[in-house]
C-alpha atoms as a PDB file:
ATOM      1  CA  MET A   1       7.119  34.233 -72.224  1.00  0.00           C
ATOM      2  CA  GLN A   2      10.423  35.501 -73.626  1.00  0.00           C
ATOM      3  CA  ILE A   3      13.236  35.532 -71.054  1.00  0.00           C
ATOM      4  CA  LEU A   4      16.735  36.985 -71.237  1.00  0.00           C
ATOM      5  CA  LEU A   5      19.422  35.618 -68.894  1.00  0.00           C
ATOM      6  CA  ASP A   6      22.123  38.071 -67.921  1.00  0.00           C
ATOM      7  CA  GLU A   7      25.732  37.250 -68.723  1.00  0.00           C
ATOM      8  CA  CYS A   8      26.550  37.022 -64.990  1.00  0.00           C
ATOM      9  CA  LEU A   9      24.413  33.863 -64.761  1.00  0.00           C
ATOM     10  CA  PRO A  10      25.562  30.413 -65.905  1.00  0.00           C
ATOM     11  CA  LYS A  11      24.399  29.469 -69.404  1.00  0.00           C
ATOM     12  CA  LYS A  12      23.267  26.059 -68.135  1.00  0.00           C
ATOM     13  CA  LEU A  13      20.517  27.778 -66.149  1.00  0.00           C
ATOM     14  CA  LYS A  14      18.685  28.120 -69.455  1.00  0.00           C
ATOM     15  CA  ALA A  15      17.794  24.410 -69.360  1.00  0.00           C
ATOM     16  CA  GLU A  16      15.585  24.996 -66.298  1.00  0.00           C
ATOM     17  CA  PHE A  17      12.980  26.962 -68.282  1.00  0.00           C
ATOM     18  CA  ILE A  18      10.906  24.377 -70.112  1.00  0.00           C
ATOM     19  CA  ASP A  19       7.774  26.408 -70.860  1.00  0.00           C
ATOM     20  CA  HIS A  20       9.479  29.624 -71.943  1.00  0.00           C
ATOM     21  CA  ILE A  21      11.648  30.931 -74.758  1.00  0.00           C
ATOM     22  CA  VAL A  22      15.020  31.752 -73.234  1.00  0.00           C
ATOM     23  CA  PHE A  23      18.126  33.401 -74.623  1.00  0.00           C
ATOM     24  CA  THR A  24      21.343  34.386 -72.912  1.00  0.00           C
ATOM     25  CA  VAL A  25      22.919  37.798 -73.363  1.00  0.00           C
ATOM     26  CA  GLN A  26      25.810  36.025 -75.080  1.00  0.00           C
ATOM     27  CA  GLU A  27      23.499  34.308 -77.593  1.00  0.00           C
ATOM     28  CA  LYS A  28      22.026  37.684 -78.546  1.00  0.00           C
ATOM     29  CA  GLY A  29      25.514  39.112 -79.077  1.00  0.00           C
ATOM     30  CA  TRP A  30      24.987  41.663 -76.310  1.00  0.00           C
ATOM     31  CA  SER A  31      27.929  40.695 -74.077  1.00  0.00           C
ATOM     32  CA  GLY A  32      29.646  43.663 -72.497  1.00  0.00           C
ATOM     33  CA  MET A  33      26.710  46.063 -72.946  1.00  0.00           C
ATOM     34  CA  LYS A  34      26.106  48.479 -70.094  1.00  0.00           C
ATOM     35  CA  ASN A  35      22.869  47.767 -68.229  1.00  0.00           C
ATOM     36  CA  GLY A  36      20.974  50.757 -69.639  1.00  0.00           C
ATOM     37  CA  GLU A  37      21.817  49.835 -73.217  1.00  0.00           C
ATOM     38  CA  LEU A  38      21.082  46.174 -72.501  1.00  0.00           C
ATOM     39  CA  LEU A  39      17.660  46.980 -71.038  1.00  0.00           C
ATOM     40  CA  ARG A  40      16.776  49.202 -74.010  1.00  0.00           C
ATOM     41  CA  SER A  41      17.608  46.358 -76.384  1.00  0.00           C
ATOM     42  CA  ALA A  42      15.977  43.671 -74.241  1.00  0.00           C
ATOM     43  CA  GLU A  43      12.652  45.451 -73.748  1.00  0.00           C
ATOM     44  CA  LYS A  44      12.048  45.273 -77.504  1.00  0.00           C
ATOM     45  CA  GLU A  45      12.175  41.457 -77.572  1.00  0.00           C
ATOM     46  CA  PHE A  46      11.790  40.111 -74.044  1.00  0.00           C
ATOM     47  CA  ASP A  47       9.227  40.083 -71.249  1.00  0.00           C
ATOM     48  CA  VAL A  48      11.664  39.365 -68.419  1.00  0.00           C
ATOM     49  CA  TRP A  49      15.358  39.912 -67.757  1.00  0.00           C
ATOM     50  CA  ILE A  50      16.880  37.657 -65.095  1.00  0.00           C
ATOM     51  CA  THR A  51      20.082  38.831 -63.440  1.00  0.00           C
ATOM     52  CA  ALA A  52      22.126  38.465 -60.267  1.00  0.00           C
ATOM     53  CA  ASP A  53      22.988  42.179 -60.156  1.00  0.00           C
ATOM     54  CA  ARG A  54      21.633  43.229 -56.757  1.00  0.00           C
ATOM     55  CA  ASN A  55      22.383  46.878 -57.424  1.00  0.00           C
ATOM     56  CA  ILE A  56      20.458  47.225 -60.692  1.00  0.00           C
ATOM     57  CA  GLU A  57      17.645  49.093 -58.956  1.00  0.00           C
ATOM     58  CA  TYR A  58      20.123  51.771 -57.839  1.00  0.00           C
ATOM     59  CA  GLN A  59      22.049  51.938 -61.124  1.00  0.00           C
ATOM     60  CA  GLN A  60      19.109  52.468 -63.477  1.00  0.00           C
ATOM     61  CA  ASN A  61      15.743  54.223 -63.451  1.00  0.00           C
ATOM     62  CA  LEU A  62      13.852  50.993 -64.079  1.00  0.00           C
ATOM     63  CA  SER A  63      10.501  52.716 -64.569  1.00  0.00           C
ATOM     64  CA  ARG A  64      11.787  53.832 -68.001  1.00  0.00           C
ATOM     65  CA  PHE A  65      11.912  50.256 -69.279  1.00  0.00           C
ATOM     66  CA  ASP A  66       9.026  48.080 -70.446  1.00  0.00           C
ATOM     67  CA  ILE A  67      10.440  44.829 -69.094  1.00  0.00           C
ATOM     68  CA  ALA A  68      10.144  42.891 -65.831  1.00  0.00           C
ATOM     69  CA  ILE A  69      13.328  42.193 -63.885  1.00  0.00           C
ATOM     70  CA  ILE A  70      14.051  39.288 -61.578  1.00  0.00           C
ATOM     71  CA  VAL A  71      17.156  39.376 -59.415  1.00  0.00           C
ATOM     72  CA  LEU A  72      18.425  36.034 -58.153  1.00  0.00           C
ATOM     73  CA  ILE A  73      20.223  36.204 -54.814  1.00  0.00           C
ATOM     74  CA  ALA A  74      22.501  33.283 -54.015  1.00  0.00           C
ATOM     75  CA  PRO A  75      25.864  32.890 -52.246  1.00  0.00           C
ATOM     76  CA  ARG A  76      27.482  32.404 -55.664  1.00  0.00           C
ATOM     77  CA  ASN A  77      26.327  32.653 -59.260  1.00  0.00           C
ATOM     78  CA  GLN A  78      26.998  28.992 -59.912  1.00  0.00           C
ATOM     79  CA  LEU A  79      24.310  26.581 -61.061  1.00  0.00           C
ATOM     80  CA  GLU A  80      24.244  24.496 -57.864  1.00  0.00           C
ATOM     81  CA  PHE A  81      23.519  27.633 -55.802  1.00  0.00           C
ATOM     82  CA  LEU A  82      20.865  28.916 -58.215  1.00  0.00           C
ATOM     83  CA  LEU A  83      18.899  25.687 -58.707  1.00  0.00           C
ATOM     84  CA  PRO A  84      17.138  25.928 -55.301  1.00  0.00           C
ATOM     85  CA  LEU A  85      15.681  29.268 -56.464  1.00  0.00           C
ATOM     86  CA  ILE A  86      14.002  27.781 -59.557  1.00  0.00           C
ATOM     87  CA  PRO A  87      10.638  26.849 -57.933  1.00  0.00           C
ATOM     88  CA  ARG A  88      10.122  30.414 -56.625  1.00  0.00           C
ATOM     89  CA  LEU A  89      11.389  31.814 -59.909  1.00  0.00           C
ATOM     90  CA  ASN A  90       8.812  29.800 -61.850  1.00  0.00           C
ATOM     91  CA  GLU A  91       6.052  31.018 -59.514  1.00  0.00           C
ATOM     92  CA  THR A  92       7.162  34.607 -60.018  1.00  0.00           C
ATOM     93  CA  LEU A  93       7.169  34.212 -63.799  1.00  0.00           C
ATOM     94  CA  GLN A  94       3.447  33.420 -63.672  1.00  0.00           C
ATOM     95  CA  THR A  95       2.507  36.827 -62.269  1.00  0.00           C
ATOM     96  CA  ILE A  96       5.294  39.336 -62.889  1.00  0.00           C
ATOM     97  CA  GLN A  97       4.461  42.362 -65.033  1.00  0.00           C
ATOM     98  CA  ALA A  98       6.569  44.757 -67.081  1.00  0.00           C
ATOM     99  CA  GLY A  99       8.077  47.453 -64.897  1.00  0.00           C
ATOM    100  CA  GLN A 100       8.278  45.244 -61.811  1.00  0.00           C
ATOM    101  CA  ILE A 101      11.482  44.154 -60.117  1.00  0.00           C
ATOM    102  CA  THR A 102      11.451  41.079 -57.893  1.00  0.00           C
ATOM    103  CA  TYR A 103      14.232  39.667 -55.742  1.00  0.00           C
ATOM    104  CA  ILE A 104      14.363  35.910 -55.178  1.00  0.00           C
ATOM    105  CA  ASP A 105      16.577  34.366 -52.532  1.00  0.00           C
ATOM    106  CA  ALA A 106      16.779  31.028 -50.774  1.00  0.00           C
ATOM    107  CA  ILE A 107      14.772  32.112 -47.713  1.00  0.00           C
END
């Protein structure tokens, strides 16, 4: 699976995805892109976009994009707060389909 990590997430999170091909927005040279433009570019190369932007569902008509979206919800977007979400994230990656949006929090 090809995964794109949003620029609002720490780059070190990439190391947590052993069985997937993962790039950061920065590595692709897409830093600063607006979400619509980013999603149009990402859907051409990636299966899943992982972000911490809780409002993405209200900012974009996500049904227009052929990519799955996972939103990580943590008190802060720092690695130590995101690591507890990794087991549920990995479970979600096994079943998520293009066009779906899933929210993962620590509950």
